[in-house]
Amino acid sequence: MIRRTEQQDETLGNHLPTACPSVEALEYELAFLVRRLEAARRRFNFGLERAHYLLLILLERKDRQSVGALAEQVNLDASTVTRQVAAMKQAGLVDKLDNPDDRRGGFVTITEAGRDAAARVRDRRLERVEKGFQDWSEAERKEFARLTARFNDAMRDELNDA
């Protein structure tokens, strides 16, 4: 990591960051972004638990996935996703299908009710996102989406490798 070369005020102690300025700015902004996203999640009821929504959108894009494959994509252990899938199955959002090649495992598939629920939540979320980015140009939104996807991919890979 690149260290700053400027002197720190010794009266402030050793609590100030020493990372390069861009890393400091990212850490600061990400800390508050995570907090604000959590506050928004609590304030605006989107109608599904966040974990259920994430699993549903993964299944919309690629149906019939194993619990292990879903767990890897959301950086959770398979036992946690198994419990979430059980609750989603009880709510009629997904079905669990046997794997004819491996009786121990199975496939999770999204139901029509799951597709409808995901669509309703996505519409509400898109309204909030659109409002938050209303003053940004299309080019700025595209670039932010590209960089956010790059960061998300790197985080997913780092967490899966740990």
Protein backbone atom coordinates (compact mmCIF):
# COMPACT_ATOMS: atom_id res chain seq x y z
CA MET A 1 0.00 0.00 0.00
CA ILE A 2 1.28 3.47 -0.82
CA ARG A 3 1.94 5.59 2.24
CA ARG A 4 1.66 9.33 2.50
CA THR A 5 4.88 11.20 2.83
CA GLU A 6 3.43 14.26 4.53
CA GLN A 7 3.90 14.73 8.28
CA GLN A 8 1.00 14.10 10.61
CA ASP A 9 0.25 16.38 13.53
CA GLU A 10 1.65 14.40 16.49
CA THR A 11 -0.85 16.01 18.88
CA LEU A 12 -3.63 14.12 17.09
CA GLY A 13 -2.14 10.73 17.92
CA ASN A 14 -1.80 7.74 15.64
CA HIS A 15 -5.47 7.47 14.74
CA LEU A 16 -5.33 9.25 11.40
CA PRO A 17 -5.17 7.13 8.25
CA THR A 18 -1.87 6.67 6.47
CA ALA A 19 -3.10 5.14 3.22
CA CYS A 20 -2.84 6.91 -0.09
CA PRO A 21 -5.44 9.67 -0.49
CA SER A 22 -7.60 7.83 -3.01
CA VAL A 23 -7.82 4.73 -0.78
CA GLU A 24 -8.69 6.95 2.19
CA ALA A 25 -11.43 8.66 0.18
CA LEU A 26 -12.83 5.32 -1.00
CA GLU A 27 -12.84 3.86 2.50
CA TYR A 28 -14.60 6.93 3.89
CA GLU A 29 -17.21 7.08 1.13
CA LEU A 30 -17.87 3.32 1.22
CA ALA A 31 -18.34 3.38 5.00
CA PHE A 32 -21.08 6.00 4.69
CA LEU A 33 -22.56 4.44 1.54
CA VAL A 34 -23.05 1.13 3.36
CA ARG A 35 -24.69 2.96 6.26
CA ARG A 36 -27.00 4.95 3.98
CA LEU A 37 -27.96 1.86 1.98
CA GLU A 38 -28.87 0.11 5.23
CA ALA A 39 -30.92 3.14 6.33
CA ALA A 40 -32.73 3.15 2.97
CA ARG A 41 -33.43 -0.58 3.25
CA ARG A 42 -35.02 -0.01 6.66
CA ARG A 43 -37.00 3.06 5.58
CA PHE A 44 -38.38 1.73 2.31
CA ASN A 45 -40.12 -1.61 2.59
CA PHE A 46 -39.46 -3.29 -0.73
CA GLY A 47 -41.59 -6.33 0.12
CA LEU A 48 -38.92 -9.06 0.26
CA GLU A 49 -35.99 -9.82 2.48
CA ARG A 50 -32.79 -8.63 0.82
CA ALA A 51 -31.35 -12.16 0.73
CA HIS A 52 -34.48 -13.53 -0.91
CA TYR A 53 -34.43 -10.80 -3.54
CA LEU A 54 -30.78 -11.49 -4.37
CA LEU A 55 -31.42 -15.22 -4.73
CA LEU A 56 -34.47 -14.57 -6.91
CA ILE A 57 -32.62 -12.27 -9.29
CA LEU A 58 -29.84 -14.84 -9.60
CA LEU A 59 -32.45 -17.48 -10.46
CA GLU A 60 -34.13 -15.13 -12.95
CA ARG A 61 -30.86 -14.83 -14.82
CA LYS A 62 -29.99 -18.53 -14.59
CA ASP A 63 -32.66 -20.88 -13.30
CA ARG A 64 -32.06 -24.37 -11.86
CA GLN A 65 -29.00 -23.68 -9.74
CA SER A 66 -27.63 -25.70 -6.86
CA VAL A 67 -27.59 -24.25 -3.35
CA GLY A 68 -23.78 -24.31 -3.52
CA ALA A 69 -23.72 -22.25 -6.71
CA LEU A 70 -26.12 -19.71 -5.23
CA ALA A 71 -24.12 -19.57 -1.98
CA GLU A 72 -20.91 -18.83 -3.85
CA GLN A 73 -22.51 -15.95 -5.75
CA VAL A 74 -23.80 -14.26 -2.59
CA ASN A 75 -20.74 -15.10 -0.47
CA LEU A 76 -22.62 -17.16 2.09
CA ASP A 77 -22.17 -20.71 3.27
CA ALA A 78 -24.45 -23.35 1.81
CA SER A 79 -26.20 -24.01 5.14
CA THR A 80 -27.34 -20.37 5.32
CA VAL A 81 -28.62 -20.44 1.75
CA THR A 82 -30.33 -23.78 2.43
CA ARG A 83 -32.31 -22.13 5.24
CA GLN A 84 -33.17 -19.16 3.03
CA VAL A 85 -34.29 -21.46 0.21
CA ALA A 86 -36.49 -23.41 2.67
CA ALA A 87 -38.21 -20.18 3.74
CA MET A 88 -38.57 -19.10 0.12
CA LYS A 89 -40.04 -22.50 -0.80
CA GLN A 90 -42.55 -22.20 2.03
CA ALA A 91 -43.51 -18.74 0.69
CA GLY A 92 -43.96 -20.19 -2.79
CA LEU A 93 -41.09 -18.19 -4.33
CA VAL A 94 -38.95 -21.18 -5.34
CA ASP A 95 -39.13 -24.92 -5.76
CA LYS A 96 -36.44 -27.45 -4.96
CA LEU A 97 -35.97 -30.16 -7.58
CA ASP A 98 -34.09 -33.40 -7.15
CA ASN A 99 -30.90 -33.88 -9.10
CA PRO A 100 -31.23 -37.25 -10.86
CA ASP A 101 -27.41 -37.55 -10.98
CA ASP A 102 -26.86 -36.80 -7.28
CA ARG A 103 -29.57 -37.57 -4.72
CA ARG A 104 -27.80 -35.52 -2.04
CA GLY A 105 -28.07 -32.31 -4.01
CA GLY A 106 -30.82 -30.67 -5.92
CA PHE A 107 -31.66 -27.65 -7.95
CA VAL A 108 -33.46 -24.50 -6.90
CA THR A 109 -35.85 -23.08 -9.46
CA ILE A 110 -37.85 -19.87 -9.37
CA THR A 111 -41.66 -20.07 -9.43
CA GLU A 112 -44.05 -17.72 -11.20
CA ALA A 113 -44.83 -16.19 -7.79
CA GLY A 114 -41.08 -15.69 -7.28
CA ARG A 115 -40.79 -13.95 -10.64
CA ASP A 116 -43.74 -11.70 -9.78
CA ALA A 117 -42.30 -10.85 -6.35
CA ALA A 118 -38.87 -10.07 -7.82
CA ALA A 119 -40.46 -7.84 -10.47
CA ARG A 120 -42.45 -5.89 -7.86
CA VAL A 121 -39.38 -5.35 -5.69
CA ARG A 122 -37.22 -4.45 -8.68
CA ASP A 123 -39.76 -1.80 -9.78
CA ARG A 124 -39.70 -0.20 -6.32
CA ARG A 125 -35.92 -0.34 -6.15
CA LEU A 126 -35.54 1.11 -9.65
CA GLU A 127 -37.72 4.06 -8.65
CA ARG A 128 -35.40 4.74 -5.69
CA VAL A 129 -32.25 4.33 -7.79
CA GLU A 130 -33.62 6.56 -10.53
CA LYS A 131 -34.46 9.25 -7.99
CA GLY A 132 -30.98 9.02 -6.47
CA PHE A 133 -29.29 9.44 -9.83
CA GLN A 134 -31.71 11.92 -11.41
CA ASP A 135 -29.07 14.66 -11.60
CA TRP A 136 -26.47 12.39 -13.23
CA SER A 137 -26.02 12.17 -16.97
CA GLU A 138 -26.56 8.85 -18.76
CA ALA A 139 -22.79 8.62 -19.31
CA GLU A 140 -22.10 9.18 -15.59
CA ARG A 141 -24.64 6.50 -14.61
CA LYS A 142 -23.16 4.02 -17.08
CA GLU A 143 -19.63 4.66 -15.83
CA PHE A 144 -20.67 4.35 -12.18
CA ALA A 145 -22.49 1.09 -12.98
CA ARG A 146 -19.41 -0.23 -14.80
CA LEU A 147 -17.06 0.64 -11.94
CA THR A 148 -19.50 -0.68 -9.32
CA ALA A 149 -19.77 -3.99 -11.20
CA ARG A 150 -16.00 -4.21 -11.37
CA PHE A 151 -15.72 -3.58 -7.63
CA ASN A 152 -18.53 -6.06 -6.84
CA ASP A 153 -16.84 -8.74 -8.94
CA ALA A 154 -13.50 -8.17 -7.21
CA MET A 155 -15.14 -8.30 -3.77
CA ARG A 156 -17.01 -11.51 -4.64
CA ASP A 157 -13.83 -13.16 -5.91
CA GLU A 158 -11.78 -12.04 -2.90
CA LEU A 159 -14.39 -13.32 -0.46
CA ASN A 160 -14.73 -16.63 -2.28
CA ASP A 161 -10.94 -17.10 -2.28
CA ALA A 162 -10.61 -16.37 1.44
